[in-house]
Protein backbone atom coordinates (compact mmCIF):
# COMPACT_ATOMS: atom_id res chain seq x y z
CA MET A 1 -46.35 -20.36 15.09
CA LYS A 2 -45.97 -17.54 12.59
CA HIS A 3 -44.68 -14.17 13.70
CA ASN A 4 -45.01 -10.68 12.36
CA TYR A 5 -42.26 -8.24 13.32
CA SER A 6 -42.33 -4.48 13.19
CA ILE A 7 -39.31 -3.04 11.37
CA GLY A 8 -37.79 -2.13 14.74
CA GLU A 9 -38.24 -5.68 16.08
CA PHE A 10 -36.97 -7.16 12.83
CA SER A 11 -33.90 -4.89 12.94
CA LYS A 12 -33.15 -5.82 16.54
CA LYS A 13 -33.61 -9.55 15.91
CA THR A 14 -31.39 -9.66 12.82
CA ASN A 15 -28.87 -6.97 13.82
CA VAL A 16 -29.51 -5.22 10.49
CA SER A 17 -30.14 -1.48 10.75
CA ILE A 18 -33.53 0.03 9.94
CA ARG A 19 -31.80 2.24 7.38
CA THR A 20 -30.43 -0.85 5.59
CA LEU A 21 -33.85 -2.52 5.64
CA HIS A 22 -35.35 0.61 4.05
CA TYR A 23 -32.61 0.49 1.42
CA TYR A 24 -33.31 -3.19 0.64
CA ASP A 25 -36.98 -2.30 0.28
CA GLU A 26 -36.19 0.52 -2.18
CA LEU A 27 -33.99 -1.84 -4.25
CA ASN A 28 -36.66 -4.57 -4.24
CA ILE A 29 -34.23 -6.98 -2.65
CA LEU A 30 -36.23 -7.52 0.53
CA LYS A 31 -39.68 -6.00 0.84
CA PRO A 32 -41.77 -6.26 4.01
CA SER A 33 -44.54 -8.85 3.96
CA PHE A 34 -47.09 -6.28 5.02
CA VAL A 35 -47.39 -2.50 5.13
CA SER A 36 -50.15 -0.99 7.27
CA GLU A 37 -52.43 1.85 6.17
CA LYS A 38 -50.21 4.17 8.22
CA GLY A 39 -47.14 2.98 6.30
CA ARG A 40 -45.68 0.81 9.06
CA ARG A 41 -43.61 -2.12 7.73
CA PHE A 42 -43.98 -5.63 9.10
CA TYR A 43 -41.80 -8.66 8.38
CA SER A 44 -42.51 -12.39 8.63
CA ASP A 45 -40.51 -15.53 9.43
CA ASN A 46 -40.10 -16.03 5.66
CA ASP A 47 -38.46 -12.62 5.49
CA LEU A 48 -35.99 -13.82 8.10
CA ILE A 49 -34.98 -16.62 5.75
CA GLU A 50 -34.65 -14.23 2.79
CA LEU A 51 -32.55 -11.83 4.82
CA GLN A 52 -30.29 -14.68 5.88
CA LYS A 53 -29.73 -15.48 2.19
CA ILE A 54 -28.82 -11.82 1.54
CA ILE A 55 -26.39 -11.71 4.48
CA THR A 56 -24.76 -14.98 3.36
CA LEU A 57 -24.31 -13.82 -0.24
CA LYS A 58 -22.94 -10.45 0.92
CA PHE A 59 -20.46 -12.31 3.12
CA LEU A 60 -19.30 -14.21 0.02
CA GLY A 61 -18.67 -10.90 -1.75
CA PHE A 62 -21.65 -10.68 -4.11
CA THR A 63 -22.97 -7.22 -5.02
CA LEU A 64 -26.56 -6.26 -4.24
CA GLU A 65 -27.44 -6.42 -7.95
CA GLU A 66 -26.03 -9.95 -8.16
CA ILE A 67 -27.91 -10.90 -4.99
CA LYS A 68 -31.17 -9.55 -6.43
CA THR A 69 -30.73 -11.73 -9.52
CA LEU A 70 -29.93 -14.82 -7.44
CA LEU A 71 -32.92 -14.32 -5.14
CA ARG A 72 -35.23 -14.31 -8.14
CA SER A 73 -33.90 -17.69 -9.32
CA ASN A 74 -35.29 -20.99 -8.07
CA LYS A 75 -31.97 -22.78 -8.57
CA TRP A 76 -28.48 -21.35 -8.36
CA ASN A 77 -25.61 -22.33 -10.64
CA LEU A 78 -22.84 -20.88 -8.50
CA GLN A 79 -19.67 -22.64 -9.60
CA ASP A 80 -18.38 -19.85 -11.86
CA SER A 81 -19.57 -17.10 -9.51
CA LEU A 82 -18.00 -18.69 -6.45
CA SER A 83 -14.74 -19.32 -8.30
CA TYR A 84 -14.68 -15.67 -9.33
CA GLN A 85 -15.48 -14.51 -5.78
CA LYS A 86 -12.70 -16.69 -4.40
CA LYS A 87 -10.16 -15.13 -6.79
CA GLU A 88 -11.34 -11.63 -5.86
CA MET A 89 -11.15 -12.38 -2.13
CA MET A 90 -7.63 -13.80 -2.56
CA LYS A 91 -6.59 -10.56 -4.27
CA LYS A 92 -8.05 -8.56 -1.38
CA GLN A 93 -6.28 -10.84 1.09
CA GLN A 94 -2.94 -10.20 -0.64
CA GLN A 95 -3.66 -6.47 -0.65
CA ILE A 96 -4.51 -6.46 3.06
CA GLU A 97 -1.39 -8.47 3.88
CA LYS A 98 0.70 -5.99 1.88
CA ILE A 99 -0.91 -3.04 3.69
CA ILE A 100 -0.22 -4.65 7.09
CA THR A 101 3.41 -5.28 6.10
CA THR A 102 3.74 -1.68 4.89
CA LEU A 103 2.25 -0.34 8.14
CA ASP A 104 4.65 -2.49 10.14
CA ARG A 105 7.62 -1.15 8.22
CA ALA A 106 6.28 2.41 8.41
CA LEU A 107 5.99 2.17 12.21
CA HIS A 108 9.56 0.91 12.35
CA LEU A 109 10.64 3.86 10.20
CA ILE A 110 9.29 6.60 12.38
CA ASP A 111 10.01 4.84 15.70
CA GLN A 112 9.94 7.59 18.36
CA ASN A 113 9.44 10.45 15.87
CA LYS A 114 5.98 11.89 16.38
CA GLU A 115 6.43 14.44 13.61
CA VAL A 116 7.92 13.44 10.26
CA ASP A 117 8.66 15.18 6.98
CA PRO A 118 5.76 14.14 4.69
CA ALA A 119 7.89 14.15 1.51
CA ILE A 120 10.49 11.78 2.99
CA PHE A 121 7.85 9.55 4.57
CA THR A 122 5.70 9.18 1.43
CA SER A 123 8.80 8.61 -0.70
CA LEU A 124 9.85 5.67 1.46
CA ILE A 125 6.33 4.24 1.68
CA ASN A 126 6.21 4.41 -2.12
CA SER A 127 9.44 2.38 -2.29
CA ILE A 128 7.82 -0.28 -0.08
CA GLN A 129 4.63 -0.33 -2.16
CA MET A 130 6.43 -0.56 -5.49
CA GLU A 131 9.16 -2.99 -4.51
CA GLU A 132 8.40 -5.39 -7.39
CA GLU A 133 8.28 -2.55 -9.93
CA HIS A 134 11.63 -1.26 -8.66
CA LYS A 135 13.07 -4.75 -8.99
CA GLU A 136 11.98 -4.98 -12.62
CA TRP A 137 13.36 -1.51 -13.36
CA LEU A 138 16.75 -2.41 -11.88
CA LYS A 139 16.93 -5.42 -14.20
CA THR A 140 17.08 -2.95 -17.11
CA ILE A 141 20.37 -1.50 -15.83
CA LEU A 142 21.94 -4.37 -13.85
CA ASP A 143 22.39 -8.10 -14.31
CA GLU A 144 19.28 -10.05 -13.21
CA ASN A 145 21.24 -12.24 -10.77
CA ARG A 146 22.75 -9.10 -9.25
CA VAL A 147 19.29 -7.61 -8.77
CA ASN A 148 17.95 -10.78 -7.16
CA GLN A 149 20.93 -10.73 -4.81
CA LEU A 150 20.19 -7.13 -3.81
CA PHE A 151 16.64 -8.04 -2.82
CA LYS A 152 17.60 -11.25 -1.05
CA ILE A 153 17.79 -9.82 2.45
CA SER A 154 15.88 -10.45 5.67
CA ASP A 155 12.88 -8.40 6.69
CA GLU A 156 14.78 -7.04 9.70
CA LYS A 157 17.70 -5.99 7.50
CA GLN A 158 15.29 -4.26 5.10
CA LYS A 159 13.66 -2.39 7.97
CA GLU A 160 17.03 -1.23 9.25
CA ILE A 161 18.06 0.01 5.78
CA GLU A 162 14.83 1.96 5.39
CA ARG A 163 15.13 3.45 8.86
CA THR A 164 18.74 4.52 8.26
CA PHE A 165 17.84 6.07 4.90
CA PHE A 166 14.90 7.87 6.52
CA ASN A 167 17.05 9.35 9.29
CA LEU A 168 19.83 10.37 6.88
CA SER A 169 17.31 12.10 4.60
CA VAL A 170 15.96 14.06 7.57
CA LYS A 171 19.52 15.07 8.51
CA LEU A 172 20.37 16.12 4.96
CA LYS A 173 17.20 18.18 4.56
CA LYS A 174 18.16 20.19 7.63
CA LEU A 175 21.59 20.93 6.16
CA VAL A 176 20.35 22.17 2.76
CA GLY A 177 21.77 25.61 2.01
CA MET A 178 25.04 25.10 3.84
CA ASP A 179 28.33 24.88 1.97
CA PRO A 180 28.09 21.38 0.38
CA SER A 181 31.82 20.89 0.91
CA CYS A 182 31.73 21.55 4.67
CA ASP A 183 32.58 18.73 7.07
CA GLU A 184 29.06 18.43 8.50
CA VAL A 185 27.45 17.93 5.09
CA GLN A 186 30.19 15.61 3.86
CA ALA A 187 29.84 13.45 6.99
CA VAL A 188 26.16 12.82 6.19
CA VAL A 189 26.99 12.12 2.53
CA GLU A 190 29.59 9.59 3.71
CA GLU A 191 26.90 7.83 5.76
CA TYR A 192 24.72 7.66 2.62
CA ILE A 193 27.61 6.16 0.66
CA LYS A 194 28.27 3.57 3.37
CA LEU A 195 24.58 2.64 3.33
CA ALA A 196 24.71 2.21 -0.46
CA GLU A 197 27.82 0.03 -0.13
CA ASP A 198 26.11 -2.06 2.55
CA VAL A 199 23.00 -2.57 0.41
CA ALA A 200 25.00 -3.37 -2.74
CA ASN A 201 27.56 -5.41 -0.80
CA THR A 202 30.36 -3.75 -2.74
CA SER A 203 32.50 -0.59 -2.68
CA ILE A 204 31.29 2.65 -4.19
CA HIS A 205 34.07 2.37 -6.81
CA SER A 206 32.79 -1.02 -7.98
CA LEU A 207 29.17 0.11 -7.80
CA MET A 208 29.83 3.14 -10.02
CA GLU A 209 31.52 0.87 -12.57
CA GLU A 210 28.46 -1.41 -12.63
CA LEU A 211 26.06 1.41 -13.37
CA PRO A 212 25.58 2.72 -16.92
CA ASP A 213 26.74 6.25 -17.75
CA GLN A 214 23.15 7.45 -18.20
CA ILE A 215 20.23 6.36 -16.03
CA ASP A 216 16.71 7.51 -16.89
CA ASP A 217 14.89 7.22 -13.60
CA ASP A 218 11.10 7.42 -13.62
CA PRO A 219 9.71 10.08 -11.24
CA TRP A 220 6.53 8.00 -10.92
CA LEU A 221 8.50 4.97 -9.75
CA PHE A 222 10.96 6.99 -7.68
CA PRO A 223 9.33 10.14 -6.28
CA SER A 224 12.01 12.28 -4.69
CA PRO A 225 11.68 13.41 -1.05
CA PHE A 226 13.54 16.59 -2.05
CA THR A 227 12.63 19.66 -4.09
CA VAL A 228 14.44 20.39 -7.36
CA GLU A 229 16.59 23.01 -5.61
CA GLU A 230 17.42 20.60 -2.79
CA GLU A 231 18.35 17.89 -5.32
CA GLU A 232 20.75 20.25 -7.10
CA TRP A 233 22.44 21.08 -3.80
CA ILE A 234 22.59 17.38 -2.81
CA ALA A 235 24.04 16.42 -6.21
CA LYS A 236 26.82 18.95 -5.68
CA ALA A 237 27.53 17.57 -2.19
CA PHE A 238 27.76 14.00 -3.52
CA GLU A 239 29.90 15.07 -6.46
CA ILE A 240 32.39 16.69 -4.06
CA TYR A 241 32.52 13.57 -1.90
CA LEU A 242 33.01 11.18 -4.84
CA LYS A 243 35.74 13.31 -6.40
CA ASN A 244 37.57 13.51 -3.06
CA SER A 245 37.28 9.72 -2.82
CA GLY A 246 38.82 9.27 -6.25
CA VAL A 247 35.64 7.97 -7.86
CA GLU A 248 35.37 8.88 -11.53
CA ILE A 249 31.91 10.14 -12.41
CA HIS A 250 30.41 9.39 -15.82
CA GLY A 251 27.21 10.92 -17.13
CA ASP A 252 24.64 12.48 -14.77
């Protein structure tokens, strides 16, 4: 038994909104089987089949233009199209997995902090997003095996490093403007140095010897959580600490 469905009935039966059905009609992807003199749209059982094709192809990632072309063909040669769709979906899957991982690490960063400094937060999220780019950049100034060793740490260890860096950056921002040689500032700098030694698995003396005299960091790869004025003050605080620790500073 054949059925005719008003657009409302058709929408309810297929769980596709009336607005979407109107849009499909405008694009000539799915037109109603019959339009009354008063302009009311009616759909048939055949339209149900056509709509199912559209929903299936959309699920596979095809665009509406691609779907329109396929619906006009009697036979579909889908091997290349499906292979392409699979590759695109795998890219999206990797992107989603990366976003979930980043969100997980971001939640670990802020922990109980309801309010965070946006500059510090975005700087750290950037470091998570661009981990591979940072790795490649480091290979231009350090031995490749050394770089691989630096990144060969557990997820939990990485989270703890990021959280410590986040908290230290918040502390340091609050101290900006104080005498950079005062005990309070130098204590925070010392914590930074200890974190660097922990990450590099070596002393600050050895680490400074490994690094070249001049390092051209890329502000796109490494956006600073601090203003230019704050960076100048921080550089002075670190210079004081390193000199007091007997570390010879070369270059900038």
